[in-house]
C-alpha atoms as a PDB file:
ATOM      1  CA  MET A   1      42.310  30.890  -9.662  1.00  0.00           C
ATOM      2  CA  LYS A   2      39.187  33.106  -9.077  1.00  0.00           C
ATOM      3  CA  ARG A   3      36.082  31.082  -7.816  1.00  0.00           C
ATOM      4  CA  SER A   4      33.374  31.924 -10.433  1.00  0.00           C
ATOM      5  CA  GLU A   5      30.156  33.704  -9.005  1.00  0.00           C
ATOM      6  CA  PRO A   6      26.855  31.653  -8.613  1.00  0.00           C
ATOM      7  CA  LEU A   7      24.311  32.385 -11.332  1.00  0.00           C
ATOM      8  CA  SER A   8      21.357  34.189 -10.575  1.00  0.00           C
ATOM      9  CA  LEU A   9      17.973  32.143 -10.204  1.00  0.00           C
ATOM     10  CA  SER A  10      16.823  33.672 -13.535  1.00  0.00           C
ATOM     11  CA  GLN A  11      19.824  32.349 -14.892  1.00  0.00           C
ATOM     12  CA  ILE A  12      19.197  28.781 -13.795  1.00  0.00           C
ATOM     13  CA  LEU A  13      16.413  27.031 -16.503  1.00  0.00           C
ATOM     14  CA  VAL A  14      14.835  24.612 -14.855  1.00  0.00           C
ATOM     15  CA  LEU A  15      12.531  21.671 -17.173  1.00  0.00           C
ATOM     16  CA  ILE A  16       9.490  20.736 -15.670  1.00  0.00           C
ATOM     17  CA  LYS A  17       8.271  16.915 -17.532  1.00  0.00           C
ATOM     18  CA  GLY A  18       4.207  17.042 -16.994  1.00  0.00           C
ATOM     19  CA  ALA A  19       2.257  19.971 -15.689  1.00  0.00           C
ATOM     20  CA  GLY A  20      -0.583  18.114 -13.953  1.00  0.00           C
ATOM     21  CA  ASP A  21      -1.326  19.443 -10.177  1.00  0.00           C
ATOM     22  CA  LEU A  22       1.699  18.478  -8.360  1.00  0.00           C
ATOM     23  CA  ALA A  23       3.810  19.635 -11.100  1.00  0.00           C
ATOM     24  CA  SER A  24       2.117  22.642 -11.156  1.00  0.00           C
ATOM     25  CA  GLY A  25       3.028  23.211  -7.595  1.00  0.00           C
ATOM     26  CA  VAL A  26       6.600  22.711  -8.175  1.00  0.00           C
ATOM     27  CA  ALA A  27       6.177  25.157 -11.269  1.00  0.00           C
ATOM     28  CA  TYR A  28       4.579  28.006  -8.533  1.00  0.00           C
ATOM     29  CA  ARG A  29       6.780  27.704  -5.858  1.00  0.00           C
ATOM     30  CA  LEU A  30       9.890  27.839  -8.546  1.00  0.00           C
ATOM     31  CA  LYS A  31       8.700  30.608 -10.657  1.00  0.00           C
ATOM     32  CA  ARG A  32       7.660  32.560  -7.570  1.00  0.00           C
ATOM     33  CA  SER A  33      11.225  32.116  -6.497  1.00  0.00           C
ATOM     34  CA  GLY A  34      12.859  33.493  -9.693  1.00  0.00           C
ATOM     35  CA  PHE A  35      13.654  30.688 -11.568  1.00  0.00           C
ATOM     36  CA  ALA A  36      13.586  30.541 -15.468  1.00  0.00           C
ATOM     37  CA  LEU A  37      10.970  27.907 -16.296  1.00  0.00           C
ATOM     38  CA  VAL A  38       9.592  25.636 -19.142  1.00  0.00           C
ATOM     39  CA  MET A  39       7.052  22.788 -18.901  1.00  0.00           C
ATOM     40  CA  THR A  40       6.190  19.714 -21.204  1.00  0.00           C
ATOM     41  CA  GLU A  41       2.916  17.811 -21.591  1.00  0.00           C
ATOM     42  CA  LEU A  42       0.860  15.713 -23.517  1.00  0.00           C
ATOM     43  CA  PRO A  43      -1.231  16.431 -26.579  1.00  0.00           C
ATOM     44  CA  ALA A  44      -4.463  15.454 -24.621  1.00  0.00           C
ATOM     45  CA  PRO A  45      -3.550  15.987 -20.593  1.00  0.00           C
ATOM     46  CA  LEU A  46      -5.163  13.263 -18.413  1.00  0.00           C
ATOM     47  CA  PHE A  47      -5.492  15.372 -15.143  1.00  0.00           C
ATOM     48  CA  VAL A  48      -8.422  16.368 -13.526  1.00  0.00           C
ATOM     49  CA  ARG A  49      -7.468  19.063 -11.043  1.00  0.00           C
ATOM     50  CA  ARG A  50      -7.442  21.418 -14.161  1.00  0.00           C
ATOM     51  CA  THR A  51      -8.266  24.689 -12.192  1.00  0.00           C
ATOM     52  CA  VAL A  52      -4.503  24.326 -10.664  1.00  0.00           C
ATOM     53  CA  CYS A  53      -3.048  22.990 -13.642  1.00  0.00           C
ATOM     54  CA  PHE A  54      -0.515  25.257 -15.811  1.00  0.00           C
ATOM     55  CA  GLY A  55      -1.303  21.973 -18.191  1.00  0.00           C
ATOM     56  CA  GLU A  56      -4.625  23.745 -18.824  1.00  0.00           C
ATOM     57  CA  ALA A  57      -2.402  25.859 -21.271  1.00  0.00           C
ATOM     58  CA  VAL A  58      -2.618  23.055 -23.816  1.00  0.00           C
ATOM     59  CA  TYR A  59      -5.897  23.232 -24.170  1.00  0.00           C
ATOM     60  CA  SER A  60      -7.196  26.924 -23.715  1.00  0.00           C
ATOM     61  CA  GLY A  61      -3.861  28.389 -24.947  1.00  0.00           C
ATOM     62  CA  GLU A  62      -3.129  30.192 -21.871  1.00  0.00           C
ATOM     63  CA  THR A  63      -4.363  29.580 -17.931  1.00  0.00           C
ATOM     64  CA  ARG A  64      -3.252  31.309 -14.280  1.00  0.00           C
ATOM     65  CA  VAL A  65      -2.963  29.369 -11.189  1.00  0.00           C
ATOM     66  CA  GLU A  66      -2.677  31.502  -8.103  1.00  0.00           C
ATOM     67  CA  GLY A  67      -2.071  34.885 -10.137  1.00  0.00           C
ATOM     68  CA  VAL A  68       0.956  33.086 -12.460  1.00  0.00           C
ATOM     69  CA  VAL A  69       0.256  32.835 -15.861  1.00  0.00           C
ATOM     70  CA  ALA A  70       1.072  29.570 -18.035  1.00  0.00           C
ATOM     71  CA  ARG A  71       0.671  29.705 -21.972  1.00  0.00           C
ATOM     72  CA  ARG A  72       1.360  27.305 -24.705  1.00  0.00           C
ATOM     73  CA  VAL A  73       3.881  27.372 -27.208  1.00  0.00           C
ATOM     74  CA  GLU A  74       4.815  26.456 -30.437  1.00  0.00           C
ATOM     75  CA  SER A  75       8.901  25.868 -30.609  1.00  0.00           C
ATOM     76  CA  PHE A  76      11.927  25.428 -28.654  1.00  0.00           C
ATOM     77  CA  GLU A  77      12.825  28.888 -29.108  1.00  0.00           C
ATOM     78  CA  ALA A  78       9.753  30.343 -28.414  1.00  0.00           C
ATOM     79  CA  ALA A  79       9.980  28.441 -25.081  1.00  0.00           C
ATOM     80  CA  ARG A  80      13.516  29.733 -24.342  1.00  0.00           C
ATOM     81  CA  GLN A  81      12.595  33.126 -24.943  1.00  0.00           C
ATOM     82  CA  LEU A  82       9.514  33.238 -22.380  1.00  0.00           C
ATOM     83  CA  ALA A  83      11.576  31.055 -19.893  1.00  0.00           C
ATOM     84  CA  ALA A  84      13.108  33.741 -17.738  1.00  0.00           C
ATOM     85  CA  THR A  85       9.642  36.422 -17.992  1.00  0.00           C
ATOM     86  CA  ASP A  86       6.635  36.340 -15.791  1.00  0.00           C
ATOM     87  CA  VAL A  87       5.101  33.734 -17.758  1.00  0.00           C
ATOM     88  CA  ILE A  88       5.451  29.985 -17.983  1.00  0.00           C
ATOM     89  CA  PRO A  89       6.337  28.207 -21.504  1.00  0.00           C
ATOM     90  CA  VAL A  90       4.180  24.713 -21.793  1.00  0.00           C
ATOM     91  CA  LEU A  91       5.166  22.767 -24.839  1.00  0.00           C
ATOM     92  CA  VAL A  92       3.541  19.711 -26.192  1.00  0.00           C
ATOM     93  CA  ASP A  93       6.480  17.542 -26.277  1.00  0.00           C
ATOM     94  CA  PRO A  94       5.879  13.897 -24.926  1.00  0.00           C
ATOM     95  CA  PRO A  95       9.593  12.695 -25.635  1.00  0.00           C
ATOM     96  CA  ALA A  96      10.719  15.700 -24.070  1.00  0.00           C
ATOM     97  CA  ALA A  97      13.236  16.413 -27.110  1.00  0.00           C
ATOM     98  CA  ALA A  98      13.630  20.136 -25.263  1.00  0.00           C
ATOM     99  CA  ILE A  99      15.681  18.710 -22.994  1.00  0.00           C
ATOM    100  CA  SER A 100      18.273  18.213 -25.876  1.00  0.00           C
ATOM    101  CA  ALA A 101      17.334  21.331 -27.537  1.00  0.00           C
ATOM    102  CA  LEU A 102      17.055  23.600 -24.869  1.00  0.00           C
ATOM    103  CA  ARG A 103      19.801  22.179 -21.987  1.00  0.00           C
ATOM    104  CA  PRO A 104      18.239  23.184 -18.952  1.00  0.00           C
ATOM    105  CA  ALA A 105      20.672  23.312 -15.772  1.00  0.00           C
ATOM    106  CA  VAL A 106      18.046  21.435 -13.625  1.00  0.00           C
ATOM    107  CA  VAL A 107      14.993  18.630 -14.988  1.00  0.00           C
ATOM    108  CA  VAL A 108      12.372  17.340 -12.992  1.00  0.00           C
ATOM    109  CA  ASP A 109      10.368  14.599 -13.786  1.00  0.00           C
ATOM    110  CA  ALA A 110       6.759  15.359 -12.384  1.00  0.00           C
ATOM    111  CA  ILE A 111       4.821  13.193 -14.732  1.00  0.00           C
ATOM    112  CA  LEU A 112       3.677  10.915 -11.447  1.00  0.00           C
ATOM    113  CA  ALA A 113       3.873   8.127 -14.053  1.00  0.00           C
ATOM    114  CA  LYS A 114       4.901   5.441 -10.818  1.00  0.00           C
ATOM    115  CA  VAL A 115       7.899   4.496 -13.007  1.00  0.00           C
ATOM    116  CA  ASN A 116      10.567   5.946 -15.184  1.00  0.00           C
ATOM    117  CA  THR A 117       9.224   6.589 -18.530  1.00  0.00           C
ATOM    118  CA  GLY A 118      13.299   7.968 -19.587  1.00  0.00           C
ATOM    119  CA  THR A 119      14.576  10.478 -17.401  1.00  0.00           C
ATOM    120  CA  THR A 120      18.322   9.495 -16.742  1.00  0.00           C
ATOM    121  CA  ARG A 121      20.708  11.322 -14.837  1.00  0.00           C
ATOM    122  CA  GLN A 122      22.515  12.306 -17.750  1.00  0.00           C
ATOM    123  CA  ASP A 123      19.480  14.385 -18.628  1.00  0.00           C
ATOM    124  CA  ALA A 124      20.881  17.776 -16.894  1.00  0.00           C
ATOM    125  CA  PRO A 125      23.147  18.922 -13.977  1.00  0.00           C
ATOM    126  CA  LEU A 126      20.746  17.947 -11.563  1.00  0.00           C
ATOM    127  CA  VAL A 127      17.899  15.638 -12.273  1.00  0.00           C
ATOM    128  CA  ILE A 128      14.986  15.405  -9.677  1.00  0.00           C
ATOM    129  CA  ALA A 129      12.270  12.913 -10.196  1.00  0.00           C
ATOM    130  CA  LEU A 130       8.788  13.328  -7.917  1.00  0.00           C
ATOM    131  CA  GLY A 131       7.674   9.783  -6.081  1.00  0.00           C
ATOM    132  CA  PRO A 132       7.543   5.982  -6.641  1.00  0.00           C
ATOM    133  CA  GLY A 133       9.243   4.790  -9.420  1.00  0.00           C
ATOM    134  CA  PHE A 134      13.165   6.456  -9.376  1.00  0.00           C
ATOM    135  CA  SER A 135      16.043   5.844  -7.161  1.00  0.00           C
ATOM    136  CA  ALA A 136      18.224   8.559  -6.339  1.00  0.00           C
ATOM    137  CA  GLY A 137      22.038   7.588  -7.038  1.00  0.00           C
ATOM    138  CA  GLN A 138      20.707   5.640 -10.113  1.00  0.00           C
ATOM    139  CA  ASP A 139      18.325   7.275 -12.369  1.00  0.00           C
ATOM    140  CA  CYS A 140      18.000  10.709 -11.010  1.00  0.00           C
ATOM    141  CA  HIS A 141      20.270  12.484  -8.626  1.00  0.00           C
ATOM    142  CA  VAL A 142      17.528  13.398  -6.150  1.00  0.00           C
ATOM    143  CA  VAL A 143      13.841  11.842  -5.267  1.00  0.00           C
ATOM    144  CA  ILE A 144      11.312  14.011  -3.322  1.00  0.00           C
ATOM    145  CA  GLU A 145       8.795  11.750  -1.642  1.00  0.00           C
ATOM    146  CA  THR A 146       4.678  12.131  -2.559  1.00  0.00           C
ATOM    147  CA  ASN A 147       3.036  10.163  -0.191  1.00  0.00           C
ATOM    148  CA  ARG A 148       1.285  11.760   2.350  1.00  0.00           C
ATOM    149  CA  GLY A 149       2.635  11.320   6.011  1.00  0.00           C
ATOM    150  CA  HIS A 150       5.788  11.772   8.072  1.00  0.00           C
ATOM    151  CA  ASN A 151       8.075  12.140   5.161  1.00  0.00           C
ATOM    152  CA  LEU A 152       5.901  14.383   2.271  1.00  0.00           C
ATOM    153  CA  GLY A 153       8.052  16.484   0.507  1.00  0.00           C
ATOM    154  CA  ARG A 154      11.379  14.670   1.918  1.00  0.00           C
ATOM    155  CA  VAL A 155      14.632  15.510  -0.471  1.00  0.00           C
ATOM    156  CA  ILE A 156      16.116  11.803  -0.671  1.00  0.00           C
ATOM    157  CA  ASP A 157      19.813  11.975  -1.830  1.00  0.00           C
ATOM    158  CA  GLN A 158      20.140   8.119  -1.783  1.00  0.00           C
ATOM    159  CA  GLY A 159      17.763   5.122  -2.662  1.00  0.00           C
ATOM    160  CA  PRO A 160      13.750   5.266  -3.901  1.00  0.00           C
ATOM    161  CA  ALA A 161      10.743   6.987  -2.661  1.00  0.00           C
ATOM    162  CA  GLU A 162       8.090   4.603  -0.312  1.00  0.00           C
ATOM    163  CA  PRO A 163       6.133   2.516  -3.339  1.00  0.00           C
ATOM    164  CA  ASP A 164       3.020   3.312  -4.352  1.00  0.00           C
ATOM    165  CA  THR A 165       0.063   2.943  -1.780  1.00  0.00           C
ATOM    166  CA  LYS A 166      -2.104   2.553  -4.792  1.00  0.00           C
ATOM    167  CA  THR A 167      -4.807   4.304  -2.516  1.00  0.00           C
ATOM    168  CA  PRO A 168      -6.175   8.225  -2.409  1.00  0.00           C
ATOM    169  CA  GLY A 169      -5.526   9.987   1.022  1.00  0.00           C
ATOM    170  CA  VAL A 170      -8.573   9.643   3.377  1.00  0.00           C
ATOM    171  CA  VAL A 171     -10.358  12.982   3.500  1.00  0.00           C
ATOM    172  CA  LYS A 172     -13.271  13.034   5.744  1.00  0.00           C
ATOM    173  CA  GLY A 173     -13.294   9.382   6.077  1.00  0.00           C
ATOM    174  CA  TYR A 174     -13.314   9.294   2.443  1.00  0.00           C
ATOM    175  CA  ALA A 175     -10.818   7.513   0.402  1.00  0.00           C
ATOM    176  CA  ALA A 176     -11.470   5.536  -2.815  1.00  0.00           C
ATOM    177  CA  ASP A 177     -15.042   6.932  -3.064  1.00  0.00           C
ATOM    178  CA  ARG A 178     -13.554  10.318  -3.705  1.00  0.00           C
ATOM    179  CA  VAL A 179     -11.918   9.670  -6.771  1.00  0.00           C
ATOM    180  CA  LEU A 180     -14.772   9.365 -10.159  1.00  0.00           C
ATOM    181  CA  ARG A 181     -14.270   6.983 -12.439  1.00  0.00           C
ATOM    182  CA  ALA A 182     -15.196   6.250 -15.868  1.00  0.00           C
ATOM    183  CA  PRO A 183     -18.389   3.954 -16.490  1.00  0.00           C
ATOM    184  CA  ALA A 184     -17.269   3.059 -20.149  1.00  0.00           C
ATOM    185  CA  ALA A 185     -15.145   3.828 -22.722  1.00  0.00           C
ATOM    186  CA  GLY A 186     -15.603   7.272 -24.815  1.00  0.00           C
ATOM    187  CA  ARG A 187     -15.992  11.253 -23.572  1.00  0.00           C
ATOM    188  CA  VAL A 188     -16.962  13.240 -20.853  1.00  0.00           C
ATOM    189  CA  ILE A 189     -19.799  15.287 -21.192  1.00  0.00           C
ATOM    190  CA  ALA A 190     -19.968  17.213 -18.230  1.00  0.00           C
ATOM    191  CA  ALA A 191     -23.036  18.245 -16.064  1.00  0.00           C
ATOM    192  CA  ALA A 192     -20.801  19.993 -13.542  1.00  0.00           C
ATOM    193  CA  ARG A 193     -18.426  22.167 -13.341  1.00  0.00           C
ATOM    194  CA  ILE A 194     -15.408  22.273 -11.255  1.00  0.00           C
ATOM    195  CA  GLY A 195     -16.282  24.163  -7.612  1.00  0.00           C
ATOM    196  CA  ASP A 196     -19.797  22.861  -7.636  1.00  0.00           C
ATOM    197  CA  PRO A 197     -21.272  22.393  -4.794  1.00  0.00           C
ATOM    198  CA  LEU A 198     -22.992  18.401  -5.155  1.00  0.00           C
ATOM    199  CA  THR A 199     -25.723  16.907  -2.997  1.00  0.00           C
ATOM    200  CA  GLU A 200     -25.747  13.224  -3.198  1.00  0.00           C
ATOM    201  CA  GLY A 201     -26.853  11.385  -6.128  1.00  0.00           C
ATOM    202  CA  GLN A 202     -26.397  14.674  -8.204  1.00  0.00           C
ATOM    203  CA  LEU A 203     -25.181  14.281 -11.639  1.00  0.00           C
ATOM    204  CA  ILE A 204     -22.140  15.023 -12.571  1.00  0.00           C
ATOM    205  CA  ALA A 205     -20.776  13.616 -15.897  1.00  0.00           C
ATOM    206  CA  THR A 206     -21.796  10.899 -18.847  1.00  0.00           C
ATOM    207  CA  VAL A 207     -19.810   9.107 -20.427  1.00  0.00           C
ATOM    208  CA  ALA A 208     -21.172   6.994 -23.741  1.00  0.00           C
ATOM    209  CA  GLY A 209     -24.641   7.916 -22.312  1.00  0.00           C
ATOM    210  CA  ARG A 210     -23.686   6.129 -18.535  1.00  0.00           C
ATOM    211  CA  GLU A 211     -23.988   8.497 -15.748  1.00  0.00           C
ATOM    212  CA  VAL A 212     -22.041   9.412 -13.182  1.00  0.00           C
ATOM    213  CA  ARG A 213     -23.264  10.689  -9.844  1.00  0.00           C
ATOM    214  CA  ALA A 214     -21.963  11.817  -6.235  1.00  0.00           C
ATOM    215  CA  PRO A 215     -21.575   9.305  -4.215  1.00  0.00           C
ATOM    216  CA  PHE A 216     -21.876  11.880  -1.595  1.00  0.00           C
ATOM    217  CA  ALA A 217     -22.358  15.424  -0.933  1.00  0.00           C
ATOM    218  CA  GLY A 218     -19.307  17.446  -1.613  1.00  0.00           C
ATOM    219  CA  VAL A 219     -17.478  20.080  -3.876  1.00  0.00           C
ATOM    220  CA  LEU A 220     -16.154  18.869  -7.548  1.00  0.00           C
ATOM    221  CA  ARG A 221     -12.657  19.156  -6.675  1.00  0.00           C
ATOM    222  CA  GLY A 222     -11.630  18.184 -10.535  1.00  0.00           C
ATOM    223  CA  LEU A 223     -13.034  16.670 -13.840  1.00  0.00           C
ATOM    224  CA  ILE A 224     -11.345  15.645 -17.140  1.00  0.00           C
ATOM    225  CA  HIS A 225     -11.301  17.483 -19.861  1.00  0.00           C
ATOM    226  CA  GLU A 226     -14.030  16.527 -22.606  1.00  0.00           C
ATOM    227  CA  ALA A 227     -11.476  16.264 -25.693  1.00  0.00           C
ATOM    228  CA  VAL A 228      -9.898  13.254 -23.660  1.00  0.00           C
ATOM    229  CA  GLU A 229     -10.736   9.848 -24.844  1.00  0.00           C
ATOM    230  CA  VAL A 230     -10.995   7.773 -21.813  1.00  0.00           C
ATOM    231  CA  SER A 231     -11.279   4.231 -20.801  1.00  0.00           C
ATOM    232  CA  PRO A 232     -13.480   2.366 -18.476  1.00  0.00           C
ATOM    233  CA  GLY A 233     -12.529   2.632 -15.210  1.00  0.00           C
ATOM    234  CA  ALA A 234     -10.014   5.685 -15.785  1.00  0.00           C
ATOM    235  CA  LYS A 235     -10.087   8.624 -13.293  1.00  0.00           C
ATOM    236  CA  ILE A 236     -11.942  11.128 -14.144  1.00  0.00           C
ATOM    237  CA  GLY A 237     -12.825  13.304 -11.384  1.00  0.00           C
ATOM    238  CA  ASP A 238     -12.403  14.156  -7.559  1.00  0.00           C
ATOM    239  CA  LEU A 239     -15.071  14.599  -5.150  1.00  0.00           C
ATOM    240  CA  ASP A 240     -14.313  16.599  -1.856  1.00  0.00           C
ATOM    241  CA  PRO A 241     -16.475  16.273   1.184  1.00  0.00           C
ATOM    242  CA  ARG A 242     -15.234  19.299   2.673  1.00  0.00           C
ATOM    243  CA  GLY A 243     -16.825  21.521   0.762  1.00  0.00           C
ATOM    244  CA  VAL A 244     -14.727  24.312   0.676  1.00  0.00           C
ATOM    245  CA  ILE A 245     -15.135  25.942  -3.087  1.00  0.00           C
ATOM    246  CA  GLU A 246     -11.886  27.717  -2.767  1.00  0.00           C
ATOM    247  CA  HIS A 247      -9.735  24.382  -2.279  1.00  0.00           C
ATOM    248  CA  CYS A 248     -10.726  24.154  -5.619  1.00  0.00           C
ATOM    249  CA  PHE A 249      -8.979  26.789  -7.649  1.00  0.00           C
ATOM    250  CA  THR A 250      -5.696  26.808  -5.074  1.00  0.00           C
ATOM    251  CA  ILE A 251      -2.831  24.617  -4.810  1.00  0.00           C
ATOM    252  CA  SER A 252      -3.114  21.595  -2.597  1.00  0.00           C
ATOM    253  CA  ASP A 253      -1.024  21.538   0.591  1.00  0.00           C
ATOM    254  CA  LYS A 254       0.510  18.363  -0.550  1.00  0.00           C
ATOM    255  CA  SER A 255       1.812  19.749  -3.981  1.00  0.00           C
ATOM    256  CA  LEU A 256       3.222  22.778  -2.060  1.00  0.00           C
ATOM    257  CA  ALA A 257       5.270  20.785   0.139  1.00  0.00           C
ATOM    258  CA  VAL A 258       6.712  18.427  -2.734  1.00  0.00           C
ATOM    259  CA  ALA A 259       7.767  21.867  -4.398  1.00  0.00           C
ATOM    260  CA  GLY A 260       9.420  22.767  -1.275  1.00  0.00           C
ATOM    261  CA  GLY A 261      11.560  19.950  -1.408  1.00  0.00           C
ATOM    262  CA  VAL A 262      12.285  20.467  -5.057  1.00  0.00           C
ATOM    263  CA  LEU A 263      13.233  24.170  -3.981  1.00  0.00           C
ATOM    264  CA  GLU A 264      15.844  22.701  -1.547  1.00  0.00           C
ATOM    265  CA  ALA A 265      17.141  20.483  -3.438  1.00  0.00           C
ATOM    266  CA  ILE A 266      18.059  23.345  -6.066  1.00  0.00           C
ATOM    267  CA  LEU A 267      19.386  25.254  -3.368  1.00  0.00           C
ATOM    268  CA  ALA A 268      21.242  22.788  -2.232  1.00  0.00           C
ATOM    269  CA  SER A 269      23.020  21.962  -4.974  1.00  0.00           C
ATOM    270  CA  LYS A 270      26.185  22.959  -6.848  1.00  0.00           C
ATOM    271  CA  LEU A 271      24.839  25.305  -9.441  1.00  0.00           C
ATOM    272  CA  GLY A 272      26.521  28.082  -8.896  1.00  0.00           C
ATOM    273  CA  GLN A 273      29.146  26.151 -11.631  1.00  0.00           C
ATOM    274  CA  ALA A 274      26.175  25.200 -13.855  1.00  0.00           C
ATOM    275  CA  ARG A 275      26.358  27.163 -17.292  1.00  0.00           C
ATOM    276  CA  PRO A 276      23.761  29.946 -17.944  1.00  0.00           C
ATOM    277  CA  ALA A 277      21.115  28.675 -20.328  1.00  0.00           C
END
């Protein structure tokens, strides 16, 4: 019997659940490598690093991250048509119904909920999950480590990722202080923009009239969209003590490392026998 030829990368449809910063790092690497992509998101995404999130297209209609464009689409057919072009389609699709509609060869759960919200190994020929809450061989085929350290970006084909540390990475001695949190319920009214250099004590935003000020000098790396209703204590922003404005508009080292793990997992799999999308 003649062996079937492997699919070209543009014939391999990858559906990424979530379009936040780690998901967008994955999408950037895969799109640059030539894969067909679709991303799904919530109606009001909660990410704060909006300048490097393809999910920002949910709010703006279209966005660009390091030269790669993402565009909001309103139907599965529109997503299918756009997937193999240079533009990444983003669907508002909380239940990820696009999986059954589009039958992707690869599903990447990049929601980063720290628990499995419904992904199964039956979703696609190859199911990849990022970080805690998943165990390779049980609810997905492969897990990619997301905790910083020696194993960041490692491909795990048996067992779970490391547990959630519940602590942000330390940057110039700052960890939990880097995360800005809502002092009350309501919408975040911005007084500063992502990329702005801030001095200690400078006003960043208000929530229900209560102020959020910079706990130290740095650059505002992220701020949640004003359309989102937040609860008290919710993460609403990210302050970077390194003070490098460019970091606010480029994909992080962590996202690229995790993306490299996803790319490795796909290329090392047997997708040459998968049916074209």
